[in-house]
Every structure is written in C-alpha cells, then in structure tokens.
Amino acid sequence: MKPAPADDAAPDPAAGLHALERYLAAETEHTRARRAAEAFANRMPQLTTTERRQLVRLYAHEHLLSSQRLRTELAWQRAAHDARDLLRRRCVTVALLVSTACGGFTLLTLQALTAR
C-alpha cells in the first residue's frame, strides 16, 4: 500500500484560519449580545432572578437575530453592488470594443477611398 501524498494529509492553513476567524467573530458577537442584555436587565432591579435570566436570554437571542439579519442584508447589498460593478465593467469593455471596431472600419474606408 502506497502512503497518501503529503498534499492530502495536510489541512489547508487558509481554511483553518478562516474557520478560526468565524469562530472568534461568533464568540465576540455572543459576548456583545450577552453584555447588552445584562446591561438592559440591570436597569430593572425589580426583576426576580428567574425573570432576569429569562430577560437576558431573550434579549441576547433577539440581539443575535438582529445582527444576523443585518449581516444578511449587508451581504445581499454587497452581492448586488458587485453584480452592478461587473455589469458596468462589461458595458465599458463592449463600448471600447465597438468604438475600436468603428474606428478601424473608418480607417479602412478612408484608405479605400483615398486609394481610388
């Protein structure tokens, strides 16, 4: 049996770093949500311990959902912007090609007319 090539055995460092970045970003977002929820609950000293826990849990959950909706909206806007940018570049390329072709045709026509 032949040993597996070294390329298959080694994980992709870039993929590992990307996964670590996603994990750290998610942990940071959870910490922010929890801190915001606790700050909100701290303004209500009349809450019982159970009510406070439930309020913190629900507030943090809503905070995370709101952040997720915002990220989704931003990703959609980014994709739309990228698509518009690609379309704009393609239109400019086509316009340059057409104007170059027209200029070439004009030169050929002038050359043919002056050769007579």
PDB file of N, CA and C in Angstrom:
ATOM      1  N   MET A   1       0.853  -1.186   0.000  1.00  0.00           N
ATOM      2  CA  MET A   1       0.000   0.000   0.000  1.00  0.00           C
ATOM      3  C   MET A   1       0.888   1.234   0.000  1.00  0.00           C
ATOM      4  N   LYS A   2       0.553   2.177  -0.888  1.00  0.00           N
ATOM      5  CA  LYS A   2       1.337   3.409  -1.007  1.00  0.00           C
ATOM      6  C   LYS A   2       0.840   4.430   0.016  1.00  0.00           C
ATOM      7  N   PRO A   3       1.745   5.186   0.603  1.00  0.00           N
ATOM      8  CA  PRO A   3       1.305   6.244   1.526  1.00  0.00           C
ATOM      9  C   PRO A   3       0.604   7.355   0.745  1.00  0.00           C
ATOM     10  N   ALA A   4      -0.307   8.012   1.415  1.00  0.00           N
ATOM     11  CA  ALA A   4      -1.046   9.115   0.785  1.00  0.00           C
ATOM     12  C   ALA A   4      -0.089  10.269   0.524  1.00  0.00           C
ATOM     13  N   PRO A   5      -0.306  11.009  -0.564  1.00  0.00           N
ATOM     14  CA  PRO A   5       0.544  12.176  -0.839  1.00  0.00           C
ATOM     15  C   PRO A   5       0.454  13.183   0.300  1.00  0.00           C
ATOM     16  N   ALA A   6       1.525  13.929   0.468  1.00  0.00           N
ATOM     17  CA  ALA A   6       1.592  14.913   1.557  1.00  0.00           C
ATOM     18  C   ALA A   6       0.508  15.978   1.419  1.00  0.00           C
ATOM     19  N   ASP A   7       0.106  16.292   0.189  1.00  0.00           N
ATOM     20  CA  ASP A   7      -0.912  17.332  -0.021  1.00  0.00           C
ATOM     21  C   ASP A   7      -2.247  16.928   0.593  1.00  0.00           C
ATOM     22  N   ASP A   8      -2.620  15.643   0.490  1.00  0.00           N
ATOM     23  CA  ASP A   8      -3.901  15.184   1.015  1.00  0.00           C
ATOM     24  C   ASP A   8      -3.893  15.119   2.535  1.00  0.00           C
ATOM     25  N   ALA A   9      -2.738  14.878   3.125  1.00  0.00           N
ATOM     26  CA  ALA A   9      -2.650  14.699   4.564  1.00  0.00           C
ATOM     27  C   ALA A   9      -2.683  16.031   5.313  1.00  0.00           C
ATOM     28  N   ALA A  10      -2.146  17.068   4.720  1.00  0.00           N
ATOM     29  CA  ALA A  10      -2.057  18.355   5.406  1.00  0.00           C
ATOM     30  C   ALA A  10      -3.328  19.174   5.201  1.00  0.00           C
ATOM     31  N   PRO A  11      -3.923  19.670   6.281  1.00  0.00           N
ATOM     32  CA  PRO A  11      -5.105  20.528   6.119  1.00  0.00           C
ATOM     33  C   PRO A  11      -4.696  21.884   5.543  1.00  0.00           C
ATOM     34  N   ASP A  12      -5.640  22.525   4.921  1.00  0.00           N
ATOM     35  CA  ASP A  12      -5.386  23.832   4.312  1.00  0.00           C
ATOM     36  C   ASP A  12      -5.294  24.892   5.411  1.00  0.00           C
ATOM     37  N   PRO A  13      -4.141  25.546   5.554  1.00  0.00           N
ATOM     38  CA  PRO A  13      -3.992  26.555   6.617  1.00  0.00           C
ATOM     39  C   PRO A  13      -4.967  27.720   6.451  1.00  0.00           C
ATOM     40  N   ALA A  14      -5.219  28.120   5.217  1.00  0.00           N
ATOM     41  CA  ALA A  14      -6.136  29.249   4.989  1.00  0.00           C
ATOM     42  C   ALA A  14      -7.545  28.895   5.449  1.00  0.00           C
ATOM     43  N   ALA A  15      -7.968  27.650   5.176  1.00  0.00           N
ATOM     44  CA  ALA A  15      -9.302  27.222   5.612  1.00  0.00           C
ATOM     45  C   ALA A  15      -9.376  27.176   7.132  1.00  0.00           C
ATOM     46  N   GLY A  16      -8.299  26.708   7.758  1.00  0.00           N
ATOM     47  CA  GLY A  16      -8.267  26.674   9.215  1.00  0.00           C
ATOM     48  C   GLY A  16      -8.331  28.066   9.821  1.00  0.00           C
ATOM     49  N   LEU A  17      -7.602  29.010   9.237  1.00  0.00           N
ATOM     50  CA  LEU A  17      -7.632  30.391   9.724  1.00  0.00           C
ATOM     51  C   LEU A  17      -9.009  31.018   9.530  1.00  0.00           C
ATOM     52  N   HIS A  18      -9.625  30.707   8.394  1.00  0.00           N
ATOM     53  CA  HIS A  18     -10.966  31.241   8.130  1.00  0.00           C
ATOM     54  C   HIS A  18     -11.967  30.692   9.144  1.00  0.00           C
ATOM     55  N   ALA A  19     -11.874  29.401   9.443  1.00  0.00           N
ATOM     56  CA  ALA A  19     -12.765  28.800  10.441  1.00  0.00           C
ATOM     57  C   ALA A  19     -12.531  29.416  11.812  1.00  0.00           C
ATOM     58  N   LEU A  20     -11.269  29.656  12.159  1.00  0.00           N
ATOM     59  CA  LEU A  20     -10.947  30.282  13.445  1.00  0.00           C
ATOM     60  C   LEU A  20     -11.504  31.702  13.501  1.00  0.00           C
ATOM     61  N   GLU A  21     -11.377  32.450  12.414  1.00  0.00           N
ATOM     62  CA  GLU A  21     -11.913  33.816  12.370  1.00  0.00           C
ATOM     63  C   GLU A  21     -13.427  33.811  12.548  1.00  0.00           C
ATOM     64  N   ARG A  22     -14.105  32.882  11.875  1.00  0.00           N
ATOM     65  CA  ARG A  22     -15.573  32.784  12.020  1.00  0.00           C
ATOM     66  C   ARG A  22     -15.950  32.456  13.462  1.00  0.00           C
ATOM     67  N   TYR A  23     -15.212  31.524  14.080  1.00  0.00           N
ATOM     68  CA  TYR A  23     -15.490  31.146  15.461  1.00  0.00           C
ATOM     69  C   TYR A  23     -15.301  32.342  16.392  1.00  0.00           C
ATOM     70  N   LEU A  24     -14.176  33.036  16.241  1.00  0.00           N
ATOM     71  CA  LEU A  24     -13.903  34.183  17.107  1.00  0.00           C
ATOM     72  C   LEU A  24     -14.927  35.301  16.902  1.00  0.00           C
ATOM     73  N   ALA A  25     -15.336  35.514  15.663  1.00  0.00           N
ATOM     74  CA  ALA A  25     -16.353  36.540  15.391  1.00  0.00           C
ATOM     75  C   ALA A  25     -17.683  36.153  16.046  1.00  0.00           C
ATOM     76  N   ALA A  26     -18.044  34.880  15.965  1.00  0.00           N
ATOM     77  CA  ALA A  26     -19.292  34.423  16.585  1.00  0.00           C
ATOM     78  C   ALA A  26     -19.224  34.555  18.106  1.00  0.00           C
ATOM     79  N   GLU A  27     -18.097  34.194  18.693  1.00  0.00           N
ATOM     80  CA  GLU A  27     -17.939  34.325  20.142  1.00  0.00           C
ATOM     81  C   GLU A  27     -18.005  35.785  20.575  1.00  0.00           C
ATOM     82  N   THR A  28     -17.389  36.652  19.804  1.00  0.00           N
ATOM     83  CA  THR A  28     -17.425  38.084  20.113  1.00  0.00           C
ATOM     84  C   THR A  28     -18.851  38.603  20.051  1.00  0.00           C
ATOM     85  N   GLU A  29     -19.585  38.176  19.034  1.00  0.00           N
ATOM     86  CA  GLU A  29     -20.983  38.614  18.891  1.00  0.00           C
ATOM     87  C   GLU A  29     -21.844  38.098  20.045  1.00  0.00           C
ATOM     88  N   HIS A  30     -21.623  36.856  20.460  1.00  0.00           N
ATOM     89  CA  HIS A  30     -22.368  36.314  21.600  1.00  0.00           C
ATOM     90  C   HIS A  30     -22.045  37.089  22.883  1.00  0.00           C
ATOM     91  N   THR A  31     -20.780  37.437  23.064  1.00  0.00           N
ATOM     92  CA  THR A  31     -20.377  38.198  24.251  1.00  0.00           C
ATOM     93  C   THR A  31     -21.018  39.583  24.230  1.00  0.00           C
ATOM     94  N   ARG A  32     -21.013  40.233  23.079  1.00  0.00           N
ATOM     95  CA  ARG A  32     -21.647  41.558  22.977  1.00  0.00           C
ATOM     96  C   ARG A  32     -23.139  41.480  23.280  1.00  0.00           C
ATOM     97  N   ALA A  33     -23.788  40.467  22.731  1.00  0.00           N
ATOM     98  CA  ALA A  33     -25.228  40.311  22.945  1.00  0.00           C
ATOM     99  C   ALA A  33     -25.522  40.088  24.424  1.00  0.00           C
ATOM    100  N   ARG A  34     -24.748  39.252  25.055  1.00  0.00           N
ATOM    101  CA  ARG A  34     -24.960  38.957  26.476  1.00  0.00           C
ATOM    102  C   ARG A  34     -24.711  40.208  27.330  1.00  0.00           C
ATOM    103  N   ARG A  35     -23.657  40.953  27.010  1.00  0.00           N
ATOM    104  CA  ARG A  35     -23.366  42.181  27.778  1.00  0.00           C
ATOM    105  C   ARG A  35     -24.476  43.211  27.611  1.00  0.00           C
ATOM    106  N   ALA A  36     -24.972  43.357  26.389  1.00  0.00           N
ATOM    107  CA  ALA A  36     -26.071  44.300  26.150  1.00  0.00           C
ATOM    108  C   ALA A  36     -27.320  43.856  26.909  1.00  0.00           C
ATOM    109  N   ALA A  37     -27.584  42.563  26.906  1.00  0.00           N
ATOM    110  CA  ALA A  37     -28.752  42.033  27.609  1.00  0.00           C
ATOM    111  C   ALA A  37     -28.617  42.239  29.115  1.00  0.00           C
ATOM    112  N   GLU A  38     -27.432  42.002  29.653  1.00  0.00           N
ATOM    113  CA  GLU A  38     -27.229  42.190  31.088  1.00  0.00           C
ATOM    114  C   GLU A  38     -27.322  43.663  31.467  1.00  0.00           C
ATOM    115  N   ALA A  39     -26.812  44.543  30.619  1.00  0.00           N
ATOM    116  CA  ALA A  39     -26.928  45.983  30.885  1.00  0.00           C
ATOM    117  C   ALA A  39     -28.392  46.409  30.886  1.00  0.00           C
ATOM    118  N   PHE A  40     -29.168  45.845  29.982  1.00  0.00           N
ATOM    119  CA  PHE A  40     -30.598  46.154  29.928  1.00  0.00           C
ATOM    120  C   PHE A  40     -31.297  45.641  31.184  1.00  0.00           C
ATOM    121  N   ALA A  41     -30.980  44.410  31.578  1.00  0.00           N
ATOM    122  CA  ALA A  41     -31.616  43.822  32.761  1.00  0.00           C
ATOM    123  C   ALA A  41     -31.206  44.547  34.037  1.00  0.00           C
ATOM    124  N   ASN A  42     -29.993  45.079  34.067  1.00  0.00           N
ATOM    125  CA  ASN A  42     -29.530  45.803  35.254  1.00  0.00           C
ATOM    126  C   ASN A  42     -30.331  47.073  35.517  1.00  0.00           C
ATOM    127  N   ARG A  43     -31.000  47.579  34.501  1.00  0.00           N
ATOM    128  CA  ARG A  43     -31.822  48.780  34.684  1.00  0.00           C
ATOM    129  C   ARG A  43     -33.170  48.459  35.310  1.00  0.00           C
ATOM    130  N   MET A  44     -33.407  47.168  35.563  1.00  0.00           N
ATOM    131  CA  MET A  44     -34.687  46.752  36.153  1.00  0.00           C
ATOM    132  C   MET A  44     -34.428  45.940  37.423  1.00  0.00           C
ATOM    133  N   PRO A  45     -34.160  46.629  38.521  1.00  0.00           N
ATOM    134  CA  PRO A  45     -33.832  45.914  39.758  1.00  0.00           C
ATOM    135  C   PRO A  45     -35.015  45.144  40.352  1.00  0.00           C
ATOM    136  N   GLN A  46     -36.219  45.426  39.908  1.00  0.00           N
ATOM    137  CA  GLN A  46     -37.397  44.771  40.455  1.00  0.00           C
ATOM    138  C   GLN A  46     -37.567  43.339  39.949  1.00  0.00           C
ATOM    139  N   LEU A  47     -36.790  42.926  38.948  1.00  0.00           N
ATOM    140  CA  LEU A  47     -36.920  41.577  38.389  1.00  0.00           C
ATOM    141  C   LEU A  47     -36.425  40.528  39.373  1.00  0.00           C
ATOM    142  N   THR A  48     -37.117  39.411  39.382  1.00  0.00           N
ATOM    143  CA  THR A  48     -36.625  38.272  40.164  1.00  0.00           C
ATOM    144  C   THR A  48     -35.458  37.647  39.398  1.00  0.00           C
ATOM    145  N   THR A  49     -34.744  36.752  40.063  1.00  0.00           N
ATOM    146  CA  THR A  49     -33.603  36.093  39.419  1.00  0.00           C
ATOM    147  C   THR A  49     -34.050  35.331  38.179  1.00  0.00           C
ATOM    148  N   THR A  50     -35.154  34.632  38.275  1.00  0.00           N
ATOM    149  CA  THR A  50     -35.671  33.867  37.129  1.00  0.00           C
ATOM    150  C   THR A  50     -36.088  34.794  36.000  1.00  0.00           C
ATOM    151  N   GLU A  51     -36.781  35.869  36.340  1.00  0.00           N
ATOM    152  CA  GLU A  51     -37.198  36.829  35.319  1.00  0.00           C
ATOM    153  C   GLU A  51     -35.981  37.474  34.654  1.00  0.00           C
ATOM    154  N   ARG A  52     -34.981  37.792  35.471  1.00  0.00           N
ATOM    155  CA  ARG A  52     -33.769  38.409  34.936  1.00  0.00           C
ATOM    156  C   ARG A  52     -33.066  37.460  33.975  1.00  0.00           C
ATOM    157  N   ARG A  53     -32.911  36.198  34.359  1.00  0.00           N
ATOM    158  CA  ARG A  53     -32.267  35.212  33.485  1.00  0.00           C
ATOM    159  C   ARG A  53     -33.021  35.079  32.166  1.00  0.00           C
ATOM    160  N   GLN A  54     -34.340  35.015  32.272  1.00  0.00           N
ATOM    161  CA  GLN A  54     -35.152  34.858  31.067  1.00  0.00           C
ATOM    162  C   GLN A  54     -35.046  36.099  30.184  1.00  0.00           C
ATOM    163  N   LEU A  55     -35.073  37.277  30.794  1.00  0.00           N
ATOM    164  CA  LEU A  55     -34.946  38.511  30.034  1.00  0.00           C
ATOM    165  C   LEU A  55     -33.583  38.584  29.340  1.00  0.00           C
ATOM    166  N   VAL A  56     -32.526  38.246  30.047  1.00  0.00           N
ATOM    167  CA  VAL A  56     -31.179  38.270  29.462  1.00  0.00           C
ATOM    168  C   VAL A  56     -31.105  37.292  28.300  1.00  0.00           C
ATOM    169  N   ARG A  57     -31.651  36.095  28.484  1.00  0.00           N
ATOM    170  CA  ARG A  57     -31.618  35.087  27.422  1.00  0.00           C
ATOM    171  C   ARG A  57     -32.388  35.553  26.187  1.00  0.00           C
ATOM    172  N   LEU A  58     -33.602  36.068  26.390  1.00  0.00           N
ATOM    173  CA  LEU A  58     -34.423  36.517  25.262  1.00  0.00           C
ATOM    174  C   LEU A  58     -33.824  37.739  24.567  1.00  0.00           C
ATOM    175  N   TYR A  59     -33.329  38.686  25.352  1.00  0.00           N
ATOM    176  CA  TYR A  59     -32.734  39.901  24.782  1.00  0.00           C
ATOM    177  C   TYR A  59     -31.499  39.533  23.973  1.00  0.00           C
ATOM    178  N   ALA A  60     -30.649  38.670  24.527  1.00  0.00           N
ATOM    179  CA  ALA A  60     -29.438  38.259  23.805  1.00  0.00           C
ATOM    180  C   ALA A  60     -29.812  37.528  22.517  1.00  0.00           C
ATOM    181  N   HIS A  61     -30.817  36.683  22.590  1.00  0.00           N
ATOM    182  CA  HIS A  61     -31.261  35.962  21.387  1.00  0.00           C
ATOM    183  C   HIS A  61     -31.744  36.934  20.317  1.00  0.00           C
ATOM    184  N   GLU A  62     -32.548  37.908  20.702  1.00  0.00           N
ATOM    185  CA  GLU A  62     -33.043  38.909  19.753  1.00  0.00           C
ATOM    186  C   GLU A  62     -31.893  39.743  19.188  1.00  0.00           C
ATOM    187  N   HIS A  63     -30.933  40.060  20.033  1.00  0.00           N
ATOM    188  CA  HIS A  63     -29.766  40.817  19.587  1.00  0.00           C
ATOM    189  C   HIS A  63     -29.003  40.031  18.520  1.00  0.00           C
ATOM    190  N   LEU A  64     -28.813  38.737  18.745  1.00  0.00           N
ATOM    191  CA  LEU A  64     -28.114  37.888  17.776  1.00  0.00           C
ATOM    192  C   LEU A  64     -28.899  37.779  16.470  1.00  0.00           C
ATOM    193  N   LEU A  65     -30.228  37.631  16.572  1.00  0.00           N
ATOM    194  CA  LEU A  65     -31.054  37.565  15.360  1.00  0.00           C
ATOM    195  C   LEU A  65     -30.969  38.866  14.571  1.00  0.00           C
ATOM    196  N   SER A  66     -30.996  39.977  15.284  1.00  0.00           N
ATOM    197  CA  SER A  66     -30.897  41.280  14.622  1.00  0.00           C
ATOM    198  C   SER A  66     -29.550  41.421  13.920  1.00  0.00           C
ATOM    199  N   SER A  67     -28.490  40.992  14.579  1.00  0.00           N
ATOM    200  CA  SER A  67     -27.157  41.053  13.967  1.00  0.00           C
ATOM    201  C   SER A  67     -27.086  40.160  12.738  1.00  0.00           C
ATOM    202  N   GLN A  68     -27.703  38.996  12.819  1.00  0.00           N
ATOM    203  CA  GLN A  68     -27.701  38.074  11.682  1.00  0.00           C
ATOM    204  C   GLN A  68     -28.468  38.669  10.499  1.00  0.00           C
ATOM    205  N   ARG A  69     -29.617  39.289  10.781  1.00  0.00           N
ATOM    206  CA  ARG A  69     -30.379  39.934   9.705  1.00  0.00           C
ATOM    207  C   ARG A  69     -29.573  41.048   9.054  1.00  0.00           C
ATOM    208  N   LEU A  70     -28.865  41.812   9.879  1.00  0.00           N
ATOM    209  CA  LEU A  70     -28.041  42.903   9.358  1.00  0.00           C
ATOM    210  C   LEU A  70     -26.924  42.350   8.478  1.00  0.00           C
ATOM    211  N   ARG A  71     -26.252  41.294   8.931  1.00  0.00           N
ATOM    212  CA  ARG A  71     -25.178  40.693   8.129  1.00  0.00           C
ATOM    213  C   ARG A  71     -25.726  40.144   6.812  1.00  0.00           C
ATOM    214  N   THR A  72     -26.894  39.534   6.863  1.00  0.00           N
ATOM    215  CA  THR A  72     -27.506  39.006   5.647  1.00  0.00           C
ATOM    216  C   THR A  72     -27.830  40.130   4.674  1.00  0.00           C
ATOM    217  N   GLU A  73     -28.387  41.204   5.185  1.00  0.00           N
ATOM    218  CA  GLU A  73     -28.721  42.364   4.341  1.00  0.00           C
ATOM    219  C   GLU A  73     -27.460  42.978   3.742  1.00  0.00           C
ATOM    220  N   LEU A  74     -26.419  43.108   4.550  1.00  0.00           N
ATOM    221  CA  LEU A  74     -25.167  43.667   4.041  1.00  0.00           C
ATOM    222  C   LEU A  74     -24.546  42.764   2.983  1.00  0.00           C
ATOM    223  N   ALA A  75     -24.617  41.455   3.188  1.00  0.00           N
ATOM    224  CA  ALA A  75     -24.080  40.517   2.193  1.00  0.00           C
ATOM    225  C   ALA A  75     -24.866  40.625   0.895  1.00  0.00           C
ATOM    226  N   TRP A  76     -26.188  40.771   1.004  1.00  0.00           N
ATOM    227  CA  TRP A  76     -27.016  40.906  -0.197  1.00  0.00           C
ATOM    228  C   TRP A  76     -26.670  42.199  -0.930  1.00  0.00           C
ATOM    229  N   GLN A  77     -26.527  43.285  -0.186  1.00  0.00           N
ATOM    230  CA  GLN A  77     -26.173  44.558  -0.808  1.00  0.00           C
ATOM    231  C   GLN A  77     -24.797  44.487  -1.455  1.00  0.00           C
ATOM    232  N   ARG A  78     -23.870  43.804  -0.799  1.00  0.00           N
ATOM    233  CA  ARG A  78     -22.526  43.642  -1.372  1.00  0.00           C
ATOM    234  C   ARG A  78     -22.588  42.855  -2.680  1.00  0.00           C
ATOM    235  N   ALA A  79     -23.372  41.783  -2.688  1.00  0.00           N
ATOM    236  CA  ALA A  79     -23.508  40.975  -3.906  1.00  0.00           C
ATOM    237  C   ALA A  79     -24.149  41.800  -5.024  1.00  0.00           C
ATOM    238  N   ALA A  80     -25.156  42.588  -4.684  1.00  0.00           N
ATOM    239  CA  ALA A  80     -25.808  43.428  -5.689  1.00  0.00           C
ATOM    240  C   ALA A  80     -24.831  44.476  -6.228  1.00  0.00           C
ATOM    241  N   HIS A  81     -24.055  45.062  -5.342  1.00  0.00           N
ATOM    242  CA  HIS A  81     -23.057  46.044  -5.767  1.00  0.00           C
ATOM    243  C   HIS A  81     -22.014  45.396  -6.670  1.00  0.00           C
ATOM    244  N   ASP A  82     -21.545  44.211  -6.309  1.00  0.00           N
ATOM    245  CA  ASP A  82     -20.561  43.502  -7.129  1.00  0.00           C
ATOM    246  C   ASP A  82     -21.125  43.167  -8.509  1.00  0.00           C
ATOM    247  N   ALA A  83     -22.407  42.779  -8.549  1.00  0.00           N
ATOM    248  CA  ALA A  83     -23.038  42.463  -9.830  1.00  0.00           C
ATOM    249  C   ALA A  83     -23.147  43.710 -10.701  1.00  0.00           C
ATOM    250  N   ARG A  84     -23.523  44.849 -10.086  1.00  0.00           N
ATOM    251  CA  ARG A  84     -23.598  46.108 -10.847  1.00  0.00           C
ATOM    252  C   ARG A  84     -22.225  46.516 -11.348  1.00  0.00           C
ATOM    253  N   ASP A  85     -21.211  46.332 -10.512  1.00  0.00           N
ATOM    254  CA  ASP A  85     -19.852  46.682 -10.897  1.00  0.00           C
ATOM    255  C   ASP A  85     -19.384  45.813 -12.063  1.00  0.00           C
ATOM    256  N   LEU A  86     -19.677  44.531 -12.015  1.00  0.00           N
ATOM    257  CA  LEU A  86     -19.312  43.629 -13.106  1.00  0.00           C
ATOM    258  C   LEU A  86     -20.031  44.030 -14.397  1.00  0.00           C
ATOM    259  N   LEU A  87     -21.313  44.339 -14.297  1.00  0.00           N
ATOM    260  CA  LEU A  87     -22.076  44.762 -15.469  1.00  0.00           C
ATOM    261  C   LEU A  87     -21.496  46.056 -16.053  1.00  0.00           C
ATOM    262  N   ARG A  88     -21.145  46.986 -15.187  1.00  0.00           N
ATOM    263  CA  ARG A  88     -20.566  48.257 -15.639  1.00  0.00           C
ATOM    264  C   ARG A  88     -19.256  48.011 -16.385  1.00  0.00           C
ATOM    265  N   ARG A  89     -18.400  47.142 -15.823  1.00  0.00           N
ATOM    266  CA  ARG A  89     -17.126  46.844 -16.485  1.00  0.00           C
ATOM    267  C   ARG A  89     -17.349  46.172 -17.832  1.00  0.00           C
ATOM    268  N   ARG A  90     -18.324  45.288 -17.901  1.00  0.00           N
ATOM    269  CA  ARG A  90     -18.609  44.622 -19.181  1.00  0.00           C
ATOM    270  C   ARG A  90     -19.129  45.619 -20.207  1.00  0.00           C
ATOM    271  N   CYS A  91     -19.980  46.540 -19.766  1.00  0.00           N
ATOM    272  CA  CYS A  91     -20.502  47.554 -20.693  1.00  0.00           C
ATOM    273  C   CYS A  91     -19.388  48.452 -21.214  1.00  0.00           C
ATOM    274  N   VAL A  92     -18.480  48.839 -20.350  1.00  0.00           N
ATOM    275  CA  VAL A  92     -17.353  49.670 -20.781  1.00  0.00           C
ATOM    276  C   VAL A  92     -16.486  48.899 -21.767  1.00  0.00           C
ATOM    277  N   THR A  93     -16.252  47.620 -21.502  1.00  0.00           N
ATOM    278  CA  THR A  93     -15.453  46.800 -22.407  1.00  0.00           C
ATOM    279  C   THR A  93     -16.110  46.696 -23.776  1.00  0.00           C
ATOM    280  N   VAL A  94     -17.417  46.444 -23.794  1.00  0.00           N
ATOM    281  CA  VAL A  94     -18.139  46.347 -25.066  1.00  0.00           C
ATOM    282  C   VAL A  94     -18.099  47.687 -25.797  1.00  0.00           C
ATOM    283  N   ALA A  95     -18.288  48.780 -25.070  1.00  0.00           N
ATOM    284  CA  ALA A  95     -18.250  50.103 -25.705  1.00  0.00           C
ATOM    285  C   ALA A  95     -16.872  50.371 -26.312  1.00  0.00           C
ATOM    286  N   LEU A  96     -15.812  50.000 -25.618  1.00  0.00           N
ATOM    287  CA  LEU A  96     -14.465  50.184 -26.161  1.00  0.00           C
ATOM    288  C   LEU A  96     -14.242  49.314 -27.394  1.00  0.00           C
ATOM    289  N   LEU A  97     -14.721  48.086 -27.340  1.00  0.00           N
ATOM    290  CA  LEU A  97     -14.572  47.207 -28.500  1.00  0.00           C
ATOM    291  C   LEU A  97     -15.332  47.743 -29.709  1.00  0.00           C
ATOM    292  N   VAL A  98     -16.561  48.206 -29.487  1.00  0.00           N
ATOM    293  CA  VAL A  98     -17.366  48.740 -30.583  1.00  0.00           C
ATOM    294  C   VAL A  98     -16.727  50.000 -31.150  1.00  0.00           C
ATOM    295  N   SER A  99     -16.258  50.890 -30.270  1.00  0.00           N
ATOM    296  CA  SER A  99     -15.657  52.125 -30.784  1.00  0.00           C
ATOM    297  C   SER A  99     -14.346  51.818 -31.512  1.00  0.00           C
ATOM    298  N   THR A 100     -13.591  50.833 -31.046  1.00  0.00           N
ATOM    299  CA  THR A 100     -12.368  50.431 -31.744  1.00  0.00           C
ATOM    300  C   THR A 100     -12.703  49.853 -33.112  1.00  0.00           C
ATOM    301  N   ALA A 101     -13.740  49.016 -33.156  1.00  0.00           N
ATOM    302  CA  ALA A 101     -14.153  48.438 -34.433  1.00  0.00           C
ATOM    303  C   ALA A 101     -14.630  49.525 -35.386  1.00  0.00           C
ATOM    304  N   CYS A 102     -15.387  50.494 -34.887  1.00  0.00           N
ATOM    305  CA  CYS A 102     -15.861  51.593 -35.737  1.00  0.00           C
ATOM    306  C   CYS A 102     -14.684  52.428 -36.237  1.00  0.00           C
ATOM    307  N   GLY A 103     -13.730  52.678 -35.360  1.00  0.00           N
ATOM    308  CA  GLY A 103     -12.547  53.438 -35.774  1.00  0.00           C
ATOM    309  C   GLY A 103     -11.756  52.691 -36.834  1.00  0.00           C
ATOM    310  N   GLY A 104     -11.607  51.389 -36.658  1.00  0.00           N
ATOM    311  CA  GLY A 104     -10.907  50.580 -37.655  1.00  0.00           C
ATOM    312  C   GLY A 104     -11.633  50.569 -38.977  1.00  0.00           C
ATOM    313  N   PHE A 105     -12.960  50.420 -38.922  1.00  0.00           N
ATOM    314  CA  PHE A 105     -13.757  50.429 -40.151  1.00  0.00           C
ATOM    315  C   PHE A 105     -13.631  51.773 -40.850  1.00  0.00           C
ATOM    316  N   THR A 106     -13.632  52.867 -40.078  1.00  0.00           N
ATOM    317  CA  THR A 106     -13.490  54.203 -40.656  1.00  0.00           C
ATOM    318  C   THR A 106     -12.132  54.355 -41.337  1.00  0.00           C
ATOM    319  N   LEU A 107     -11.096  53.893 -40.686  1.00  0.00           N
ATOM    320  CA  LEU A 107      -9.742  53.971 -41.299  1.00  0.00           C
ATOM    321  C   LEU A 107      -9.667  53.158 -42.590  1.00  0.00           C
ATOM    322  N   LEU A 108     -10.238  51.947 -42.561  1.00  0.00           N
ATOM    323  CA  LEU A 108     -10.225  51.121 -43.777  1.00  0.00           C
ATOM    324  C   LEU A 108     -11.008  51.779 -44.907  1.00  0.00           C
ATOM    325  N   THR A 109     -12.140  52.385 -44.553  1.00  0.00           N
ATOM    326  CA  THR A 109     -12.954  53.070 -45.566  1.00  0.00           C
ATOM    327  C   THR A 109     -12.202  54.258 -46.146  1.00  0.00           C
ATOM    328  N   LEU A 110     -11.570  55.052 -45.285  1.00  0.00           N
ATOM    329  CA  LEU A 110     -10.796  56.203 -45.761  1.00  0.00           C
ATOM    330  C   LEU A 110      -9.639  55.756 -46.634  1.00  0.00           C
ATOM    331  N   GLN A 111      -8.979  54.670 -46.232  1.00  0.00           N
ATOM    332  CA  GLN A 111      -7.856  54.167 -47.012  1.00  0.00           C
ATOM    333  C   GLN A 111      -8.342  53.693 -48.383  1.00  0.00           C
ATOM    334  N   ALA A 112      -9.489  53.022 -48.408  1.00  0.00           N
ATOM    335  CA  ALA A 112     -10.033  52.540 -49.677  1.00  0.00           C
ATOM    336  C   ALA A 112     -10.449  53.709 -50.569  1.00  0.00           C
ATOM    337  N   LEU A 113     -11.008  54.763 -49.975  1.00  0.00           N
ATOM    338  CA  LEU A 113     -11.450  55.911 -50.751  1.00  0.00           C
ATOM    339  C   LEU A 113     -10.256  56.705 -51.295  1.00  0.00           C
ATOM    340  N   THR A 114      -9.201  56.802 -50.527  1.00  0.00           N
ATOM    341  CA  THR A 114      -8.032  57.565 -50.982  1.00  0.00           C
ATOM    342  C   THR A 114      -7.195  56.748 -51.985  1.00  0.00           C
ATOM    343  N   ALA A 115      -7.347  55.454 -52.019  1.00  0.00           N
ATOM    344  CA  ALA A 115      -6.599  54.622 -52.961  1.00  0.00           C
ATOM    345  C   ALA A 115      -7.172  54.722 -54.359  1.00  0.00           C
ATOM    346  N   ARG A 116      -8.358  55.186 -54.539  1.00  0.00           N
ATOM    347  CA  ARG A 116      -9.004  55.283 -55.848  1.00  0.00           C
ATOM    348  C   ARG A 116      -8.479  56.391 -56.659  1.00  0.00           C
TER     349      ARG A 116
END
